[in-house]
N, C-alpha and C. Protein backbone atom coordinates (compact mmCIF):
# COMPACT_ATOMS: atom_id res chain seq x y z
N UNK A 1 -51.40 -0.38 28.06
CA UNK A 1 -50.62 0.12 29.18
C UNK A 1 -49.61 1.37 29.46
N UNK A 2 -51.14 1.49 30.65
CA UNK A 2 -50.33 3.19 30.87
C UNK A 2 -48.60 2.97 30.70
N UNK A 3 -48.46 4.59 31.75
CA UNK A 3 -47.13 4.62 31.53
C UNK A 3 -46.37 4.46 32.77
N UNK A 4 -45.54 4.33 32.95
CA UNK A 4 -45.23 3.63 34.30
C UNK A 4 -43.11 3.57 34.00
N UNK A 5 -43.10 4.58 34.77
CA UNK A 5 -41.34 4.87 34.09
C UNK A 5 -40.25 3.42 35.57
N UNK A 6 -39.80 2.66 35.04
CA UNK A 6 -38.58 2.17 36.25
C UNK A 6 -37.48 2.88 35.50
N UNK A 7 -37.02 3.46 36.22
CA UNK A 7 -35.23 3.83 37.39
C UNK A 7 -34.55 3.49 37.31
N UNK A 8 -33.65 2.80 36.83
CA UNK A 8 -32.85 1.79 37.80
C UNK A 8 -30.89 2.53 37.74
N UNK A 9 -31.23 3.13 39.21
CA UNK A 9 -29.93 3.97 39.49
C UNK A 9 -28.63 2.56 39.40
N UNK A 10 -27.80 3.29 38.63
CA UNK A 10 -26.42 2.34 38.59
C UNK A 10 -25.58 2.90 38.88
N UNK A 11 -24.93 4.60 39.85
CA UNK A 11 -24.49 4.14 40.36
C UNK A 11 -23.02 3.92 41.36
N UNK A 12 -22.27 4.23 41.92
CA UNK A 12 -22.10 3.64 42.79
C UNK A 12 -22.00 4.68 44.00
N UNK A 13 -21.74 5.92 43.16
CA UNK A 13 -22.46 7.17 44.45
C UNK A 13 -23.92 7.38 44.18
N UNK A 14 -24.31 7.45 45.27
CA UNK A 14 -25.92 8.09 45.91
C UNK A 14 -25.34 10.07 45.38
N UNK A 15 -27.41 10.37 44.72
CA UNK A 15 -27.42 11.69 44.84
C UNK A 15 -25.73 11.93 43.87
N UNK A 16 -25.79 11.12 42.74
CA UNK A 16 -24.29 11.61 42.35
C UNK A 16 -24.66 12.28 40.75
N UNK A 17 -24.68 12.64 40.36
CA UNK A 17 -24.77 13.54 38.27
C UNK A 17 -25.91 12.85 38.16
N UNK A 18 -25.43 11.67 37.49
CA UNK A 18 -26.48 10.44 36.36
C UNK A 18 -28.10 11.12 37.34
N UNK A 19 -28.02 10.59 38.41
CA UNK A 19 -29.37 11.14 38.98
C UNK A 19 -29.77 12.11 39.48
N UNK A 20 -28.67 12.95 39.67
CA UNK A 20 -29.47 14.74 39.61
C UNK A 20 -30.60 14.88 38.10
N UNK A 21 -29.77 14.45 37.21
CA UNK A 21 -29.96 14.78 35.52
C UNK A 21 -31.34 13.93 35.57
N UNK A 22 -31.61 12.50 35.92
CA UNK A 22 -32.62 12.36 35.44
C UNK A 22 -34.02 12.18 36.42
N UNK A 23 -33.41 12.88 37.32
CA UNK A 23 -34.48 13.09 38.26
C UNK A 23 -35.03 14.61 37.51
N UNK A 24 -34.19 15.70 36.98
CA UNK A 24 -34.53 16.20 36.72
C UNK A 24 -35.53 16.26 35.58
N UNK A 25 -34.70 15.26 34.37
CA UNK A 25 -36.19 15.38 33.43
C UNK A 25 -37.14 14.34 33.80
N UNK A 26 -37.06 13.66 34.88
CA UNK A 26 -38.62 12.95 35.95
C UNK A 26 -39.68 14.23 35.83
N UNK A 27 -39.19 15.20 36.78
CA UNK A 27 -40.23 15.81 37.20
C UNK A 27 -40.89 16.68 36.26
N UNK A 28 -39.84 16.41 34.81
CA UNK A 28 -41.06 16.86 33.71
C UNK A 28 -42.63 16.18 33.33
N UNK A 29 -42.55 15.02 33.57
CA UNK A 29 -43.64 13.95 33.49
C UNK A 29 -44.45 14.44 34.01
N UNK A 30 -45.62 14.18 33.50
CA UNK A 30 -47.41 14.33 33.59
C UNK A 30 -47.28 13.07 35.84
N UNK A 31 -47.69 14.18 36.66
CA UNK A 31 -48.18 13.49 37.68
C UNK A 31 -48.37 13.22 37.74
N UNK A 32 -49.55 11.95 37.04
CA UNK A 32 -50.38 10.41 37.29
C UNK A 32 -49.43 9.61 36.37
N UNK A 33 -48.34 9.86 35.27
CA UNK A 33 -47.09 8.86 35.40
C UNK A 33 -46.41 8.54 36.35
N UNK A 34 -46.93 7.07 36.67
CA UNK A 34 -46.16 6.69 37.75
C UNK A 34 -44.34 6.22 37.29
N UNK A 35 -43.87 6.22 38.77
CA UNK A 35 -42.36 6.75 38.17
C UNK A 35 -41.78 5.75 39.48
N UNK A 36 -41.01 4.64 39.24
CA UNK A 36 -39.69 4.14 40.68
C UNK A 36 -38.56 4.33 40.69
N UNK A 37 -38.37 4.21 41.01
CA UNK A 37 -37.32 3.78 41.74
C UNK A 37 -35.91 2.96 42.71
N UNK A 38 -35.43 2.68 41.14
CA UNK A 38 -34.66 1.54 42.26
C UNK A 38 -32.99 1.90 42.45
N UNK A 39 -32.84 2.12 43.36
CA UNK A 39 -31.06 1.66 43.55
C UNK A 39 -30.20 0.12 43.17
N UNK A 40 -29.57 -0.53 42.05
CA UNK A 40 -28.98 -1.26 42.18
C UNK A 40 -27.63 -1.40 42.70
N UNK A 41 -27.66 -0.90 44.11
CA UNK A 41 -26.36 -0.25 45.13
C UNK A 41 -26.93 -1.25 45.39
N UNK A 42 -28.63 -0.61 45.79
CA UNK A 42 -28.63 -1.34 47.22
C UNK A 42 -30.26 -2.33 47.14
N UNK A 43 -29.91 -3.16 46.01
CA UNK A 43 -30.12 -4.02 45.36
C UNK A 43 -29.07 -4.93 43.93
N UNK A 44 -28.42 -5.57 44.72
CA UNK A 44 -27.35 -5.90 44.03
C UNK A 44 -28.15 -7.55 43.58
N UNK A 45 -27.00 -7.95 42.61
CA UNK A 45 -27.32 -8.69 42.05
C UNK A 45 -26.36 -9.67 42.08
N UNK A 46 -26.16 -10.91 42.39
CA UNK A 46 -24.67 -12.12 41.89
C UNK A 46 -24.49 -11.60 40.93
N UNK A 47 -23.16 -12.15 40.89
CA UNK A 47 -22.83 -12.28 39.81
C UNK A 47 -23.68 -13.36 38.39
N UNK A 48 -24.22 -12.72 36.85
CA UNK A 48 -24.10 -13.83 36.86
C UNK A 48 -24.40 -15.03 35.87
N UNK A 49 -24.51 -16.10 36.19
CA UNK A 49 -24.39 -17.01 35.45
C UNK A 49 -24.99 -17.49 34.46
N UNK A 50 -24.47 -18.22 33.53
CA UNK A 50 -24.95 -18.51 32.17
C UNK A 50 -25.06 -19.77 32.77
N UNK A 51 -26.62 -19.81 31.80
CA UNK A 51 -26.54 -21.44 31.97
C UNK A 51 -27.96 -22.32 31.20
N UNK A 52 -27.27 -21.27 30.09
CA UNK A 52 -28.33 -21.69 28.93
C UNK A 52 -27.75 -23.09 28.67
N UNK A 53 -27.40 -23.86 28.87
CA UNK A 53 -27.10 -25.05 28.51
C UNK A 53 -27.11 -25.93 29.03
N UNK A 54 -26.64 -25.47 30.62
CA UNK A 54 -26.14 -26.78 32.36
C UNK A 54 -28.17 -26.77 32.78
N UNK A 55 -29.06 -25.71 32.59
CA UNK A 55 -30.54 -25.69 33.94
C UNK A 55 -31.45 -25.77 33.42
N UNK A 56 -32.34 -26.03 33.74
CA UNK A 56 -33.93 -25.42 33.32
C UNK A 56 -33.63 -23.54 34.36
N UNK A 57 -34.14 -22.99 33.82
CA UNK A 57 -33.75 -21.67 34.17
C UNK A 57 -35.81 -21.30 35.03
N UNK A 58 -35.76 -20.36 36.12
CA UNK A 58 -37.38 -21.02 37.16
C UNK A 58 -36.87 -19.04 37.49
N UNK A 59 -38.18 -18.64 37.31
CA UNK A 59 -38.42 -17.84 38.22
C UNK A 59 -38.07 -17.17 39.28
N UNK A 60 -37.28 -15.84 39.42
CA UNK A 60 -36.42 -16.13 40.75
C UNK A 60 -38.13 -15.51 41.22
N UNK A 61 -37.65 -15.41 43.06
CA UNK A 61 -39.00 -14.72 43.74
C UNK A 61 -37.90 -14.76 45.16
N UNK A 62 -38.50 -13.43 45.40
CA UNK A 62 -38.28 -12.74 46.74
C UNK A 62 -37.09 -13.05 47.29
N UNK A 63 -36.44 -12.05 46.24
CA UNK A 63 -35.24 -11.64 46.34
C UNK A 63 -34.82 -10.43 45.24
N UNK A 64 -33.41 -9.49 45.45
CA UNK A 64 -33.27 -8.66 44.56
C UNK A 64 -34.15 -9.04 43.17
N UNK A 65 -33.41 -10.70 42.33
CA UNK A 65 -33.44 -10.75 40.63
C UNK A 65 -35.54 -10.76 40.84
N UNK A 66 -35.56 -10.91 41.92
CA UNK A 66 -37.25 -11.15 42.08
C UNK A 66 -37.71 -9.88 41.73
N UNK A 67 -37.58 -8.99 42.44
CA UNK A 67 -37.40 -8.07 42.73
C UNK A 67 -36.90 -6.34 41.11
N UNK A 68 -36.63 -6.72 40.53
CA UNK A 68 -36.01 -5.82 39.51
C UNK A 68 -36.84 -7.16 37.99
N UNK A 69 -37.08 -8.19 38.26
CA UNK A 69 -37.98 -8.57 37.67
C UNK A 69 -38.97 -8.06 37.24
N UNK A 70 -39.90 -8.04 38.50
CA UNK A 70 -41.17 -7.82 38.72
C UNK A 70 -41.02 -6.45 38.17
N UNK A 71 -40.35 -5.40 38.29
CA UNK A 71 -40.42 -4.04 38.07
C UNK A 71 -40.19 -3.66 36.92
N UNK A 72 -38.92 -4.76 36.18
CA UNK A 72 -38.96 -4.51 34.78
C UNK A 72 -40.24 -4.68 34.03
N UNK A 73 -40.96 -6.31 34.40
CA UNK A 73 -42.29 -6.59 33.82
C UNK A 73 -43.57 -5.18 33.87
N UNK A 74 -43.26 -4.79 35.37
CA UNK A 74 -44.42 -3.77 35.44
C UNK A 74 -44.32 -2.76 34.70
N UNK A 75 -43.20 -2.06 34.11
CA UNK A 75 -42.60 -0.68 33.70
C UNK A 75 -42.51 -0.43 31.66
N UNK A 76 -43.54 0.04 31.45
CA UNK A 76 -43.96 0.88 30.13
C UNK A 76 -42.82 1.28 29.86
N UNK A 77 -41.57 2.01 30.30
CA UNK A 77 -40.20 3.12 30.02
C UNK A 77 -39.43 2.58 31.02
N UNK A 78 -38.52 1.77 30.76
CA UNK A 78 -37.46 1.67 31.74
C UNK A 78 -36.00 2.52 31.11
N UNK A 79 -35.92 3.11 31.96
CA UNK A 79 -35.13 4.39 32.54
C UNK A 79 -33.66 3.10 32.52
N UNK A 80 -32.04 3.37 31.88
CA UNK A 80 -31.03 2.92 33.16
C UNK A 80 -30.21 3.58 32.90
N UNK A 81 -30.43 4.65 34.46
CA UNK A 81 -28.69 5.31 35.23
C UNK A 81 -28.12 5.23 34.77
N UNK A 82 -26.88 5.56 34.03
CA UNK A 82 -25.22 4.96 34.54
C UNK A 82 -25.32 6.06 34.27
N UNK A 83 -23.98 6.00 35.32
CA UNK A 83 -22.43 7.40 34.38
C UNK A 83 -21.67 6.62 33.49
N UNK A 84 -21.24 7.20 32.89
CA UNK A 84 -20.10 6.76 32.12
C UNK A 84 -19.11 5.84 32.47
N UNK A 85 -18.44 4.29 33.06
CA UNK A 85 -18.13 4.23 33.46
C UNK A 85 -17.43 3.56 32.34
N UNK A 86 -15.56 4.03 31.99
CA UNK A 86 -15.10 2.84 30.49
C UNK A 86 -15.42 2.51 29.97
N UNK A 87 -16.30 4.02 28.90
CA UNK A 87 -16.99 4.45 28.41
C UNK A 87 -18.10 3.44 28.00
N UNK A 88 -18.42 2.46 29.11
CA UNK A 88 -19.60 2.09 29.08
C UNK A 88 -20.57 2.13 30.73
N UNK A 89 -21.95 1.54 30.19
CA UNK A 89 -22.85 1.39 31.01
C UNK A 89 -22.08 0.64 32.62
N UNK A 90 -21.94 1.15 34.24
CA UNK A 90 -21.32 0.37 34.78
C UNK A 90 -22.24 -0.68 35.40
N UNK A 91 -21.37 -1.52 36.52
CA UNK A 91 -20.71 -2.64 37.04
C UNK A 91 -22.19 -3.32 36.97
N UNK A 92 -22.55 -2.56 38.00
CA UNK A 92 -24.32 -3.01 38.14
C UNK A 92 -25.91 -2.90 36.99
N UNK A 93 -25.78 -2.17 36.33
CA UNK A 93 -26.19 -2.43 35.06
C UNK A 93 -26.26 -2.86 34.49
N UNK A 94 -24.64 -3.81 34.17
CA UNK A 94 -24.21 -4.33 32.82
C UNK A 94 -25.07 -5.62 33.73
N UNK A 95 -24.95 -6.01 34.63
CA UNK A 95 -24.58 -6.82 35.48
C UNK A 95 -26.82 -7.30 35.13
N UNK A 96 -27.42 -6.38 35.50
CA UNK A 96 -28.58 -6.40 34.89
C UNK A 96 -29.14 -6.72 33.75
N UNK A 97 -28.41 -6.27 33.08
CA UNK A 97 -28.71 -6.96 31.80
C UNK A 97 -28.56 -7.81 31.50
N UNK A 98 -27.11 -8.63 32.04
CA UNK A 98 -27.72 -9.84 32.02
C UNK A 98 -28.00 -10.97 32.76
N UNK A 99 -28.81 -9.87 33.44
CA UNK A 99 -29.78 -11.04 33.55
C UNK A 99 -31.18 -10.99 32.88
N UNK A 100 -31.50 -10.86 31.86
CA UNK A 100 -32.22 -9.96 30.72
C UNK A 100 -32.04 -11.16 30.47
N UNK A 101 -30.68 -11.89 29.49
CA UNK A 101 -30.06 -13.19 29.32
C UNK A 101 -31.00 -14.51 29.90
N UNK A 102 -31.04 -14.68 31.06
CA UNK A 102 -31.23 -15.96 31.54
C UNK A 102 -33.23 -15.49 32.13
N UNK A 103 -33.79 -14.60 32.12
CA UNK A 103 -35.04 -14.38 31.68
C UNK A 103 -35.71 -14.13 30.54
N UNK A 104 -35.08 -14.54 29.43
CA UNK A 104 -35.31 -15.30 28.72
C UNK A 104 -35.27 -16.31 28.25
N UNK A 105 -35.26 -16.47 28.87
CA UNK A 105 -35.31 -18.62 29.02
C UNK A 105 -35.49 -19.02 29.58
N UNK A 106 -36.23 -18.19 31.03
CA UNK A 106 -37.57 -19.15 32.24
C UNK A 106 -39.04 -18.69 31.04
N UNK A 107 -39.28 -20.30 31.56
CA UNK A 107 -40.62 -21.10 31.18
C UNK A 107 -41.26 -20.05 31.89
N UNK A 108 -42.54 -19.87 31.05
CA UNK A 108 -43.64 -19.45 30.81
C UNK A 108 -43.14 -17.88 31.39
N UNK A 109 -42.37 -17.00 31.23
CA UNK A 109 -42.25 -15.63 31.22
C UNK A 109 -42.37 -14.66 30.77
N UNK A 110 -42.25 -15.41 29.46
CA UNK A 110 -42.42 -14.99 27.76
C UNK A 110 -41.86 -13.65 27.99
N UNK A 111 -40.55 -12.99 28.28
CA UNK A 111 -39.57 -12.10 28.34
C UNK A 111 -39.72 -11.10 27.79
N UNK A 112 -39.41 -11.52 26.48
CA UNK A 112 -39.28 -10.69 24.99
C UNK A 112 -40.44 -10.00 24.98
N UNK A 113 -40.96 -11.30 24.68
CA UNK A 113 -42.88 -10.39 24.28
C UNK A 113 -42.53 -9.57 24.91
N UNK A 114 -42.85 -9.35 26.35
CA UNK A 114 -43.39 -9.04 26.72
C UNK A 114 -42.76 -7.49 26.75
N UNK A 115 -41.76 -7.05 26.87
CA UNK A 115 -41.46 -6.15 26.40
C UNK A 115 -41.45 -5.79 25.53
N UNK A 116 -41.23 -6.29 24.28
CA UNK A 116 -41.48 -5.74 22.40
C UNK A 116 -42.67 -3.99 22.72
N UNK A 117 -42.47 -3.47 22.60
CA UNK A 117 -43.67 -2.06 22.17
C UNK A 117 -43.04 -1.42 23.37
N UNK A 118 -42.34 -1.95 24.45
CA UNK A 118 -42.27 -0.35 25.78
C UNK A 118 -40.61 0.18 24.70
N UNK A 119 -40.33 1.29 26.06
CA UNK A 119 -39.37 1.77 25.45
C UNK A 119 -38.54 2.27 26.34
N UNK A 120 -37.05 1.59 25.71
CA UNK A 120 -35.91 1.96 26.78
C UNK A 120 -35.03 3.25 26.63
N UNK A 121 -34.69 3.81 27.60
CA UNK A 121 -34.43 5.05 27.37
C UNK A 121 -32.99 4.67 28.32
N UNK A 122 -32.19 5.55 28.70
CA UNK A 122 -30.85 5.60 29.10
C UNK A 122 -30.29 7.13 29.97
N UNK A 123 -30.32 7.77 30.42
CA UNK A 123 -28.98 9.60 31.39
C UNK A 123 -27.82 8.90 31.36
N UNK A 124 -27.01 10.14 31.18
CA UNK A 124 -25.38 9.68 31.84
C UNK A 124 -25.02 10.19 31.97
N UNK A 125 -24.23 10.59 32.44
CA UNK A 125 -23.25 12.40 32.63
C UNK A 125 -21.48 11.67 32.74
N UNK A 126 -20.85 12.57 32.09
CA UNK A 126 -19.76 11.71 31.64
C UNK A 126 -18.87 12.94 32.20
N UNK A 127 -17.13 12.79 32.18
CA UNK A 127 -17.27 14.25 32.39
C UNK A 127 -16.08 14.58 31.83
N UNK A 128 -16.14 14.39 30.84
CA UNK A 128 -14.90 14.51 29.36
C UNK A 128 -16.29 15.87 28.41
N UNK A 129 -15.26 16.46 27.71
CA UNK A 129 -16.72 17.39 27.26
C UNK A 129 -16.35 17.06 26.08
N UNK A 130 -16.50 15.29 25.64
CA UNK A 130 -16.81 15.31 24.36
C UNK A 130 -18.23 14.23 24.17
N UNK A 131 -19.41 14.15 23.83
CA UNK A 131 -20.19 13.01 23.47
C UNK A 131 -20.12 12.38 23.49
N UNK A 132 -19.56 11.88 21.61
CA UNK A 132 -19.07 10.36 21.23
C UNK A 132 -18.47 9.77 22.39
N UNK A 133 -17.57 10.49 23.35
CA UNK A 133 -17.14 9.24 24.31
C UNK A 133 -18.37 8.04 24.72
N UNK A 134 -19.82 8.30 25.17
CA UNK A 134 -20.70 8.28 25.69
C UNK A 134 -20.99 6.93 24.82
N UNK A 135 -20.64 7.20 23.31
CA UNK A 135 -20.84 6.76 22.21
C UNK A 135 -21.53 4.54 22.37
N UNK A 136 -20.49 3.65 23.60
CA UNK A 136 -20.69 2.31 23.09
C UNK A 136 -21.65 2.55 24.15
N UNK A 137 -21.89 3.24 24.53
CA UNK A 137 -22.87 3.06 26.03
C UNK A 137 -24.22 3.17 24.71
N UNK A 138 -24.40 4.36 24.44
CA UNK A 138 -25.50 4.55 23.72
C UNK A 138 -26.12 3.88 22.82
N UNK A 139 -24.41 2.76 22.05
CA UNK A 139 -24.57 1.31 21.01
C UNK A 139 -25.47 0.30 21.97
N UNK A 140 -25.29 0.07 23.27
CA UNK A 140 -25.28 -0.93 24.17
C UNK A 140 -26.55 -1.03 24.56
N UNK A 141 -27.12 0.21 24.73
CA UNK A 141 -28.63 0.47 25.16
C UNK A 141 -29.24 0.29 23.47
N UNK A 142 -28.65 0.51 22.75
CA UNK A 142 -30.07 0.45 21.43
C UNK A 142 -29.91 0.27 20.84
N UNK A 143 -29.17 -1.32 20.76
CA UNK A 143 -27.88 -2.29 21.18
C UNK A 143 -29.27 -3.69 21.74
N UNK A 144 -29.49 -3.08 22.44
CA UNK A 144 -30.46 -3.84 23.55
C UNK A 144 -32.16 -3.71 23.22
N UNK A 145 -32.87 -3.14 23.09
CA UNK A 145 -33.47 -2.00 22.19
C UNK A 145 -34.62 -2.38 21.00
N UNK A 146 -33.11 -2.64 20.31
CA UNK A 146 -33.74 -3.64 18.66
C UNK A 146 -33.59 -4.98 19.03
N UNK A 147 -32.34 -5.62 19.98
CA UNK A 147 -32.75 -7.02 20.30
C UNK A 147 -34.43 -7.45 20.79
N UNK A 148 -34.73 -7.10 22.01
CA UNK A 148 -35.73 -6.85 22.02
C UNK A 148 -36.98 -6.03 21.54
N UNK A 149 -37.06 -6.16 20.80
CA UNK A 149 -38.29 -5.53 20.49
C UNK A 149 -39.00 -4.79 20.46
N UNK A 150 -37.99 -3.55 21.34
CA UNK A 150 -38.61 -2.55 22.55
C UNK A 150 -37.82 -0.82 21.24
N UNK A 151 -39.28 0.13 21.79
CA UNK A 151 -38.55 1.39 21.47
C UNK A 151 -37.50 1.72 21.62
N UNK A 152 -36.53 2.94 21.36
CA UNK A 152 -35.96 3.49 21.52
C UNK A 152 -35.11 4.04 22.25
N UNK A 153 -35.66 5.11 22.55
CA UNK A 153 -35.58 6.52 23.96
C UNK A 153 -34.79 7.22 23.45
N UNK A 154 -33.94 6.73 23.46
CA UNK A 154 -32.29 8.53 23.69
C UNK A 154 -31.41 8.14 24.91
N UNK A 155 -30.92 7.75 24.63
CA UNK A 155 -30.04 8.79 25.78
C UNK A 155 -29.93 10.75 26.68
N UNK A 156 -29.70 11.13 27.22
CA UNK A 156 -29.57 12.08 27.89
C UNK A 156 -28.47 12.53 28.39
N UNK A 157 -27.67 13.43 27.45
CA UNK A 157 -25.60 13.11 28.23
C UNK A 157 -25.91 14.52 28.14
N UNK A 158 -25.26 14.68 30.10
CA UNK A 158 -25.04 15.97 30.73
C UNK A 158 -23.07 15.69 30.61
N UNK A 159 -22.76 16.42 31.22
CA UNK A 159 -21.66 16.63 31.61
C UNK A 159 -21.19 17.66 32.95
N UNK A 160 -19.90 17.15 34.26
CA UNK A 160 -19.93 16.84 34.95
C UNK A 160 -19.07 15.32 35.76
N UNK A 161 -17.97 16.33 36.63
CA UNK A 161 -17.79 14.96 37.36
C UNK A 161 -17.71 14.97 38.67
N UNK A 162 -16.75 16.30 39.37
CA UNK A 162 -17.84 15.84 41.31
C UNK A 162 -18.93 16.38 41.55
N UNK A 163 -19.30 16.02 41.97
CA UNK A 163 -21.07 16.43 42.95
C UNK A 163 -22.02 17.54 42.49
N UNK A 164 -23.05 17.41 41.99
CA UNK A 164 -23.53 19.14 41.06
C UNK A 164 -22.87 18.91 40.33
N UNK A 165 -22.07 18.99 39.20
CA UNK A 165 -21.22 19.38 38.94
C UNK A 165 -22.00 19.78 37.48
N UNK A 166 -23.17 18.52 37.29
CA UNK A 166 -24.82 18.55 35.90
C UNK A 166 -24.92 19.27 36.02
N UNK A 167 -26.04 19.83 37.14
CA UNK A 167 -26.38 21.34 37.44
C UNK A 167 -25.98 22.66 36.86
N UNK A 168 -24.77 22.18 36.53
CA UNK A 168 -24.45 23.37 35.88
C UNK A 168 -24.43 23.42 34.29
N UNK A 169 -24.37 22.64 33.73
CA UNK A 169 -24.98 22.16 32.65
C UNK A 169 -25.72 21.84 31.70
N UNK A 170 -26.08 23.93 31.65
CA UNK A 170 -27.47 24.01 31.25
C UNK A 170 -27.82 23.52 29.64
N UNK A 171 -27.43 22.78 28.63
CA UNK A 171 -27.79 23.09 27.50
C UNK A 171 -28.15 21.30 27.94
N UNK A 172 -27.04 20.84 29.06
CA UNK A 172 -28.48 19.48 29.27
C UNK A 172 -29.48 19.09 30.20
N UNK A 173 -29.54 20.58 30.96
CA UNK A 173 -30.86 20.58 31.86
C UNK A 173 -32.16 21.01 30.98
N UNK A 174 -31.83 21.97 29.69
CA UNK A 174 -32.17 21.97 28.76
C UNK A 174 -32.89 20.92 28.01
N UNK A 175 -32.31 20.17 28.35
CA UNK A 175 -32.25 19.23 26.88
C UNK A 175 -33.32 17.87 27.56
N UNK A 176 -33.57 17.45 29.41
CA UNK A 176 -34.36 17.15 30.50
C UNK A 176 -35.11 17.70 30.61
N UNK A 177 -35.77 18.67 29.53
CA UNK A 177 -37.37 19.14 30.40
C UNK A 177 -38.09 19.12 28.66
N UNK A 178 -37.29 18.47 27.90
CA UNK A 178 -38.55 17.52 26.55
C UNK A 178 -37.85 16.41 26.41
N UNK A 179 -37.47 15.35 27.58
CA UNK A 179 -36.45 14.35 27.11
C UNK A 179 -37.63 13.26 26.64
N UNK A 180 -38.50 13.00 28.32
CA UNK A 180 -39.22 11.90 27.91
C UNK A 180 -40.36 12.05 26.56
N UNK A 181 -41.14 13.22 26.28
CA UNK A 181 -41.87 13.56 25.50
C UNK A 181 -41.93 12.62 24.03
């Protein structure tokens, strides 16, 4: 499979610090590597309803769930671009990951087998200088990758609060240059 990156933007703010850091890292990808950027704010999912024991799962089509499922299945590399919100991923990212539970049970989809061997990455910016505060977010993504049989590429951390602050984080910008290698 040729490399194809899906960047899932999980911020409630457009052009925020986390997206800026992700775009800096993505600039380093070879020109022939496909990049698809989807904002979860622009493609919202309704609250996840756990139907494991109540109903048959049907492959979503023609709505945001179908779009996000198809984009996920088409990507070799999935990048969760989420600011650190209350020490974890944003609500839209959490909701997207909740949908994986339904996709795991969709007949004929083989969601877990399809994602196995692909790579899950994260990019986040936090407003505190202590990177350990992002450990729950890192753990969420690491454990998700492990459960799915995916490679975990790690999480690119940056620091900033006001829009544009991360561009002053020279350490994060330096790490962004080699993050996807």
